[in-house]
Amino acid sequence: MLEKVAEIISNTNAILICAGAGMGVDSGLPDFRGNQGFWKAYPPYAEKGLSFVDMANPSWFHSDPEFAWGFYGHRLELYRNTPPHKGFDILLNWAKSKSKGYFVFTSNVDGHFQKAGFPDQNIIEIHGSIHHLQCLKSCSQNIFSAQEYNISIDETTMRAQNPLPTCPSCHSIARPNILMFGDWSWDTSRQESQMHNYQNWLSGIEKNKLTIIECGAGTGVPTVRYESERIAKHYSGMVIRINVRESQISSPHISISRGALDTIIDIDQLIIRN
């Protein structure tokens, strides 16, 4: 099976990398799939009976911003301090060798593709990025970088300590530019710009010349899986679905029930050998 995948990747003219949360697990990022995985990463929320869906809700920024930033501030520091695994580098090397180029479509908000060297103009973060902020009151301020903010967290209570990130224009509390559950105020302008780049790239792709490498995308939030299958159907592309769980996909597409890092390394060895 991996020999066939190596041959497909070697002979393709364009690569679309589709990535979900499972891509980051091999870097040491927590697995939020299911309450048990979330609570293992964040015991204080287990004690309160709060799930990931409960915490990933913009209402906390209005009712208790210290509690909201306890969750997102901790994740911001975690994503900043965790290096992307070797699989990112391998994917970038494959992608850069293709005559029709490449793009990344990801639901991850961790910014690890950029950190691994993928150009920002070749990435669409369909659910936003924790490294960008927006004004909670939706004033005239555009989306702005989170780079200058360092948030201190009491990890026993998961509450952030002041000062919290604020809007540079109106000085109201800021929130991450991430699509949350029940979120009607997410500023989509950055994502729309990325979508424009993505669509421009797709317009130059020839049918039967595209390989879609999908890593760590489950069915809980199926945005990435839907995109892989949609693009494959429209462009007659081949999907290589790599996931420890829920890797099923119909023929002629390929299903690999393994983690992303080990699979990518093994495929790369076969490509080098051939």
Protein backbone atom coordinates (compact mmCIF):
# COMPACT_ATOMS: atom_id res chain seq x y z
CA MET A 1 0.00 0.00 0.00
CA LEU A 2 2.69 2.54 0.95
CA GLU A 3 4.64 1.70 -2.21
CA LYS A 4 1.60 2.66 -4.27
CA VAL A 5 1.21 5.91 -2.32
CA ALA A 6 4.88 6.75 -2.84
CA GLU A 7 4.44 6.23 -6.58
CA ILE A 8 1.34 8.45 -6.67
CA ILE A 9 3.07 11.27 -4.81
CA SER A 10 6.17 10.99 -6.98
CA ASN A 11 4.15 11.29 -10.19
CA THR A 12 1.62 13.95 -9.24
CA ASN A 13 1.83 17.55 -10.48
CA ALA A 14 0.09 19.23 -7.54
CA ILE A 15 -0.50 18.51 -3.85
CA LEU A 16 -3.32 19.63 -1.59
CA ILE A 17 -2.52 18.94 2.06
CA CYS A 18 -5.63 18.69 4.20
CA ALA A 19 -5.00 18.51 7.94
CA GLY A 20 -7.10 18.10 11.06
CA ALA A 21 -6.30 17.89 14.77
CA GLY A 22 -4.64 14.50 14.46
CA MET A 23 -1.78 16.13 12.57
CA GLY A 24 -0.66 17.95 15.72
CA VAL A 25 -0.91 14.98 18.07
CA ASP A 26 2.44 13.64 16.82
CA SER A 27 4.02 16.98 17.80
CA GLY A 28 2.84 16.38 21.37
CA LEU A 29 -0.26 18.57 21.22
CA PRO A 30 -3.24 17.29 23.25
CA ASP A 31 -5.96 15.20 21.66
CA PHE A 32 -9.31 16.95 22.21
CA ARG A 33 -11.35 14.23 20.51
CA GLY A 34 -13.89 13.16 23.11
CA ASN A 35 -14.30 14.47 26.63
CA GLN A 36 -11.74 12.06 28.09
CA GLY A 37 -8.97 13.36 25.85
CA PHE A 38 -9.86 16.96 26.65
CA TRP A 39 -10.13 16.36 30.37
CA LYS A 40 -6.81 14.50 30.44
CA ALA A 41 -5.18 17.62 28.99
CA TYR A 42 -7.14 19.99 31.25
CA PRO A 43 -8.09 18.41 34.61
CA PRO A 44 -9.58 21.66 36.03
CA TYR A 45 -12.31 21.51 33.37
CA ALA A 46 -12.99 17.86 34.20
CA GLU A 47 -13.68 18.90 37.78
CA LYS A 48 -16.20 21.44 36.54
CA GLY A 49 -17.70 19.05 33.98
CA LEU A 50 -16.89 21.45 31.13
CA SER A 51 -16.24 19.91 27.72
CA PHE A 52 -14.20 21.33 24.83
CA VAL A 53 -17.44 22.47 23.21
CA ASP A 54 -18.39 24.25 26.44
CA MET A 55 -15.06 26.08 26.63
CA ALA A 56 -14.73 26.90 22.93
CA ASN A 57 -17.60 29.36 23.18
CA PRO A 58 -17.34 33.14 22.72
CA SER A 59 -19.82 33.81 25.54
CA TRP A 60 -17.01 33.35 28.11
CA PHE A 61 -15.22 36.42 26.77
CA HIS A 62 -18.29 38.51 27.66
CA SER A 63 -19.23 36.89 30.97
CA ASP A 64 -15.80 35.94 32.38
CA PRO A 65 -12.87 37.05 30.20
CA GLU A 66 -10.23 35.84 32.67
CA PHE A 67 -11.69 32.34 32.45
CA ALA A 68 -11.93 32.56 28.65
CA TRP A 69 -8.33 33.69 28.31
CA GLY A 70 -7.24 31.01 30.76
CA PHE A 71 -8.24 28.44 28.16
CA TYR A 72 -7.10 30.25 25.03
CA GLY A 73 -4.02 31.81 26.61
CA HIS A 74 -2.81 28.40 27.72
CA ARG A 75 -3.31 27.03 24.22
CA LEU A 76 -1.57 30.05 22.67
CA GLU A 77 1.55 29.44 24.77
CA LEU A 78 1.40 25.69 24.13
CA TYR A 79 1.25 26.15 20.36
CA ARG A 80 4.02 28.74 20.48
CA ASN A 81 6.34 26.49 22.47
CA THR A 82 5.69 23.18 20.65
CA PRO A 83 7.78 22.58 17.52
CA PRO A 84 6.05 20.96 14.53
CA HIS A 85 7.08 17.36 13.95
CA LYS A 86 9.33 16.18 11.12
CA GLY A 87 6.34 15.23 8.96
CA PHE A 88 5.70 18.91 8.22
CA ASP A 89 9.18 19.27 6.73
CA ILE A 90 8.71 16.18 4.57
CA LEU A 91 5.34 17.38 3.28
CA LEU A 92 6.87 20.74 2.40
CA ASN A 93 9.70 19.07 0.47
CA TRP A 94 7.20 16.99 -1.51
CA ALA A 95 4.99 19.99 -2.16
CA LYS A 96 7.79 22.28 -3.35
CA SER A 97 8.82 19.77 -5.99
CA LYS A 98 5.48 19.90 -7.85
CA SER A 99 5.18 21.87 -11.08
CA LYS A 100 1.61 23.00 -10.32
CA GLY A 101 2.39 23.88 -6.73
CA TYR A 102 0.60 23.12 -3.50
CA PHE A 103 -1.81 24.40 -0.91
CA VAL A 104 -2.70 23.60 2.70
CA PHE A 105 -6.31 23.40 3.88
CA THR A 106 -6.44 23.00 7.66
CA SER A 107 -8.92 23.25 10.50
CA ASN A 108 -6.05 23.58 12.98
CA VAL A 109 -5.60 26.96 14.65
CA ASP A 110 -2.06 26.28 15.94
CA GLY A 111 -0.09 27.95 13.12
CA HIS A 112 2.24 24.97 12.80
CA PHE A 113 2.29 24.93 9.02
CA GLN A 114 3.64 28.50 9.01
CA LYS A 115 6.06 27.57 11.79
CA ALA A 116 7.34 24.68 9.66
CA GLY A 117 8.07 27.02 6.74
CA PHE A 118 4.92 26.85 4.62
CA PRO A 119 4.26 30.34 3.18
CA ASP A 120 1.17 32.04 4.57
CA GLN A 121 -0.12 32.64 1.04
CA ASN A 122 -0.29 28.86 0.50
CA ILE A 123 -2.46 28.14 3.55
CA ILE A 124 -6.13 28.44 4.36
CA GLU A 125 -6.96 28.14 8.06
CA ILE A 126 -10.64 27.45 7.66
CA HIS A 127 -11.41 27.96 11.38
CA GLY A 128 -9.01 30.85 11.95
CA SER A 129 -5.78 31.16 13.93
CA ILE A 130 -4.99 31.56 17.62
CA HIS A 131 -2.06 33.78 16.60
CA HIS A 132 -4.46 36.49 15.42
CA LEU A 133 -6.93 38.49 17.49
CA GLN A 134 -10.04 40.58 16.96
CA CYS A 135 -11.90 43.16 19.03
CA LEU A 136 -14.68 41.64 21.15
CA LYS A 137 -16.86 44.67 20.41
CA SER A 138 -16.22 44.48 16.66
CA CYS A 139 -15.03 48.09 16.43
CA SER A 140 -13.28 49.45 13.34
CA GLN A 141 -10.01 47.69 14.24
CA ASN A 142 -8.87 45.07 11.76
CA ILE A 143 -7.60 41.65 12.82
CA PHE A 144 -4.27 42.05 14.63
CA SER A 145 -1.38 39.84 15.69
CA ALA A 146 -1.22 38.11 19.08
CA GLN A 147 2.58 38.18 18.96
CA GLU A 148 3.09 40.96 21.51
CA TYR A 149 0.83 39.37 24.15
CA ASN A 150 2.11 37.00 26.81
CA ILE A 151 -0.65 35.69 29.04
CA SER A 152 0.01 34.37 32.54
CA ILE A 153 -2.25 31.50 33.62
CA ASP A 154 -3.00 30.04 37.05
CA GLU A 155 -3.10 26.40 35.99
CA THR A 156 -4.93 25.28 39.12
CA THR A 157 -7.93 27.44 38.26
CA MET A 158 -7.23 27.96 34.52
CA ARG A 159 -7.80 31.69 34.94
CA ALA A 160 -5.68 34.30 33.17
CA GLN A 161 -4.09 37.10 35.12
CA ASN A 162 -4.37 40.73 34.07
CA PRO A 163 -3.51 42.41 31.83
CA LEU A 164 -5.55 40.58 29.22
CA PRO A 165 -5.17 41.21 25.46
CA THR A 166 -7.08 44.31 24.42
CA CYS A 167 -8.05 45.99 21.18
CA PRO A 168 -5.43 48.60 20.12
CA SER A 169 -8.19 50.95 18.92
CA CYS A 170 -10.94 50.95 21.55
CA HIS A 171 -9.11 49.06 24.34
CA SER A 172 -11.94 46.58 24.82
CA ILE A 173 -11.12 42.94 25.54
CA ALA A 174 -9.77 41.07 22.53
CA ARG A 175 -10.55 37.48 21.58
CA PRO A 176 -8.81 35.01 19.27
CA ASN A 177 -9.75 35.21 15.60
CA ILE A 178 -11.06 31.63 15.77
CA LEU A 179 -14.43 30.24 14.79
CA MET A 180 -15.94 28.95 18.04
CA PHE A 181 -19.13 27.03 18.71
CA GLY A 182 -22.24 29.22 18.57
CA ASP A 183 -20.08 32.03 17.19
CA TRP A 184 -21.85 34.76 15.23
CA SER A 185 -19.19 37.46 15.63
CA TRP A 186 -16.12 35.78 14.14
CA ASP A 187 -14.33 38.21 11.81
CA THR A 188 -13.94 36.24 8.58
CA SER A 189 -11.90 38.81 6.66
CA ARG A 190 -8.56 37.02 7.05
CA GLN A 191 -10.06 33.65 6.15
CA GLU A 192 -11.78 35.21 3.12
CA SER A 193 -8.42 36.50 1.88
CA GLN A 194 -6.94 33.02 2.29
CA MET A 195 -9.92 31.53 0.47
CA HIS A 196 -9.28 33.88 -2.46
CA ASN A 197 -5.69 32.61 -2.70
CA TYR A 198 -6.90 29.01 -2.46
CA GLN A 199 -9.46 29.40 -5.22
CA ASN A 200 -6.91 31.09 -7.46
CA TRP A 201 -4.56 28.14 -6.99
CA LEU A 202 -7.31 25.61 -7.67
CA SER A 203 -8.24 27.40 -10.89
CA GLY A 204 -4.82 26.53 -12.30
CA ILE A 205 -4.96 22.81 -11.43
CA GLU A 206 -5.57 20.33 -14.22
CA LYS A 207 -7.89 17.39 -13.69
CA ASN A 208 -6.21 14.08 -12.90
CA LYS A 209 -3.04 15.88 -11.82
CA LEU A 210 -3.90 16.50 -8.16
CA THR A 211 -3.08 14.37 -5.10
CA ILE A 212 -4.80 15.17 -1.80
CA ILE A 213 -2.90 14.11 1.31
CA GLU A 214 -5.29 14.20 4.26
CA CYS A 215 -3.78 13.84 7.73
CA GLY A 216 -5.54 13.46 11.08
CA ALA A 217 -9.02 14.59 10.05
CA GLY A 218 -11.89 12.90 11.87
CA THR A 219 -15.66 12.99 11.62
CA GLY A 220 -16.35 14.95 14.82
CA VAL A 221 -15.87 18.24 12.95
CA PRO A 222 -15.78 16.95 9.37
CA THR A 223 -14.82 20.18 7.58
CA VAL A 224 -11.49 18.85 6.35
CA ARG A 225 -12.81 15.46 5.23
CA TYR A 226 -15.61 17.11 3.28
CA GLU A 227 -13.12 19.37 1.54
CA SER A 228 -10.85 16.48 0.58
CA GLU A 229 -13.74 14.58 -0.95
CA ARG A 230 -15.23 17.66 -2.62
CA ILE A 231 -11.98 18.63 -4.30
CA ALA A 232 -11.24 15.04 -5.30
CA LYS A 233 -14.61 14.75 -7.00
CA HIS A 234 -14.36 18.08 -8.80
CA TYR A 235 -10.75 17.66 -9.97
CA SER A 236 -10.69 13.86 -10.36
CA GLY A 237 -7.99 13.82 -7.70
CA MET A 238 -6.75 10.99 -5.50
CA VAL A 239 -7.24 11.18 -1.73
CA ILE A 240 -4.69 9.56 0.58
CA ARG A 241 -6.46 9.54 3.96
CA ILE A 242 -4.11 9.03 6.91
CA ASN A 243 -5.72 8.76 10.33
CA VAL A 244 -5.42 6.49 13.35
CA ARG A 245 -9.20 6.37 13.59
CA GLU A 246 -11.99 6.76 11.03
CA SER A 247 -9.65 6.39 8.07
CA GLN A 248 -12.27 4.79 5.85
CA ILE A 249 -12.78 6.10 2.33
CA SER A 250 -14.18 4.47 -0.80
CA SER A 251 -12.04 3.17 -3.66
CA PRO A 252 -10.11 4.28 -5.66
CA HIS A 253 -8.98 6.52 -2.80
CA ILE A 254 -6.53 5.12 -0.26
CA SER A 255 -7.08 4.65 3.47
CA ILE A 256 -4.16 4.31 5.91
CA SER A 257 -5.02 3.60 9.55
CA ARG A 258 -1.86 5.00 11.14
CA GLY A 259 -0.53 8.20 12.64
CA ALA A 260 0.57 11.00 10.34
CA LEU A 261 4.24 11.24 11.36
CA ASP A 262 5.21 7.57 11.02
CA THR A 263 3.28 7.21 7.78
CA ILE A 264 4.83 10.27 6.16
CA ILE A 265 8.34 9.16 7.16
CA ASP A 266 7.80 5.67 5.76
CA ILE A 267 6.41 7.00 2.47
CA ASP A 268 9.33 9.41 2.16
CA GLN A 269 11.82 6.57 2.58
CA LEU A 270 10.16 4.74 -0.29
CA ILE A 271 10.23 7.87 -2.48
CA ILE A 272 13.95 8.36 -1.76
CA ARG A 273 14.70 4.67 -2.42
CA ASN A 274 12.99 4.81 -5.81
